[in-house]
Amino acid sequence: MPAKATSLTRSAHEAINTLSPGDRRVLNENELAQRWGISPKTLQRWRSEGRGPKYLKLSKRVSYALEMILDFEKNALHVSTSERVTA
C-alpha cells in the first residue's frame, strides 16, 4: 500500500510542476481587479456584501477559481439595459 501512495503523490507533484503559468486555475484579488478594471477594494467590499464570484479563502489569502470568474461573467451579460442574456 505505501508504494501506491508514493506513486500517487509523485504523479500529483509531477502534474503540478508541469503546469505552465498560462494553465493557472485561480486568480488572486489584484489579478481579478486588473482583469475587470476595478479596484481590489471593490472586490473586498463585494465579498463582505456577498456579491461577486465565489472565492476561496485559505488563511488570509483570497483566490478566485477561473471557473467561478467565467461563470460570474457569463451571468453578468446583458442584451440591453433592461434585459440579461438568456442562455
Protein backbone atom coordinates (compact mmCIF):
# COMPACT_ATOMS: atom_id res chain seq x y z
CA MET A 1 0.00 0.00 0.00
CA PRO A 2 2.68 2.63 0.80
CA ALA A 3 4.11 2.20 -2.71
CA LYS A 4 0.77 3.22 -4.22
CA ALA A 5 0.53 6.30 -2.01
CA THR A 6 4.05 7.29 -3.04
CA SER A 7 3.33 6.84 -6.74
CA LEU A 8 0.10 8.84 -6.46
CA THR A 9 1.87 11.59 -4.57
CA ARG A 10 4.71 11.61 -7.07
CA SER A 11 2.34 11.82 -10.06
CA ALA A 12 0.37 14.63 -8.39
CA HIS A 13 3.58 16.59 -7.88
CA GLU A 14 4.60 15.95 -11.48
CA ALA A 15 1.21 17.22 -12.71
CA ILE A 16 1.51 20.39 -10.64
CA ASN A 17 5.08 21.01 -11.71
CA THR A 18 4.26 20.62 -15.41
CA LEU A 19 1.60 23.35 -15.39
CA SER A 20 2.74 26.43 -17.26
CA PRO A 21 1.82 29.88 -15.90
CA GLY A 22 -0.94 30.11 -18.54
CA ASP A 23 -2.57 26.99 -17.08
CA ARG A 24 -3.30 28.58 -13.71
CA ARG A 25 -6.74 27.78 -12.40
CA VAL A 26 -7.06 30.71 -9.95
CA LEU A 27 -6.53 34.46 -9.88
CA ASN A 28 -5.71 36.48 -6.80
CA GLU A 29 -7.61 39.62 -5.83
CA ASN A 30 -5.26 42.01 -7.62
CA GLU A 31 -5.26 39.97 -10.84
CA LEU A 32 -9.06 39.83 -10.94
CA ALA A 33 -9.35 43.54 -10.19
CA GLN A 34 -6.96 44.25 -13.06
CA ARG A 35 -8.88 41.90 -15.39
CA TRP A 36 -12.11 43.78 -14.72
CA GLY A 37 -10.59 47.26 -14.42
CA ILE A 38 -11.86 47.77 -10.87
CA SER A 39 -10.19 48.37 -7.53
CA PRO A 40 -9.23 45.48 -5.25
CA LYS A 41 -11.20 47.38 -2.59
CA THR A 42 -14.34 46.87 -4.70
CA LEU A 43 -13.78 43.09 -4.61
CA GLN A 44 -13.23 43.29 -0.85
CA ARG A 45 -16.49 45.18 -0.43
CA TRP A 46 -18.34 42.73 -2.68
CA ARG A 47 -17.11 39.81 -0.56
CA SER A 48 -18.39 41.48 2.61
CA GLU A 49 -21.76 42.11 0.90
CA GLY A 50 -21.99 38.57 -0.51
CA ARG A 51 -21.68 39.79 -4.10
CA GLY A 52 -19.25 38.88 -6.86
CA PRO A 53 -17.89 35.48 -7.80
CA LYS A 54 -17.40 32.71 -5.26
CA TYR A 55 -13.93 32.72 -3.76
CA LEU A 56 -11.58 30.53 -1.80
CA LYS A 57 -10.01 31.86 1.38
CA LEU A 58 -7.12 30.00 2.94
CA SER A 59 -5.81 31.84 5.98
CA LYS A 60 -5.62 35.45 4.74
CA ARG A 61 -5.15 34.55 1.09
CA VAL A 62 -8.13 35.06 -1.23
CA SER A 63 -8.26 33.30 -4.60
CA TYR A 64 -10.88 33.18 -7.30
CA ALA A 65 -11.22 30.00 -9.37
CA LEU A 66 -11.18 30.76 -13.08
CA GLU A 67 -14.31 28.63 -13.49
CA MET A 68 -16.20 30.83 -10.98
CA ILE A 69 -14.95 34.01 -12.67
CA LEU A 70 -16.13 32.84 -16.10
CA ASP A 71 -19.50 31.77 -14.66
CA PHE A 72 -19.95 35.16 -12.97
CA GLU A 73 -19.03 36.98 -16.19
CA LYS A 74 -21.49 34.85 -18.18
CA ASN A 75 -24.29 35.68 -15.72
CA ALA A 76 -23.45 39.39 -15.93
CA LEU A 77 -24.03 39.58 -19.71
CA HIS A 78 -26.82 41.91 -20.84
CA VAL A 79 -28.56 42.30 -24.19
CA SER A 80 -29.76 45.80 -23.34
CA THR A 81 -30.08 47.97 -20.27
CA SER A 82 -33.35 46.22 -19.44
CA GLU A 83 -32.53 42.58 -20.27
CA ARG A 84 -29.97 39.99 -19.30
CA VAL A 85 -28.75 37.46 -21.83
CA THR A 86 -30.64 34.17 -21.60
CA ALA A 87 -28.61 31.15 -22.49
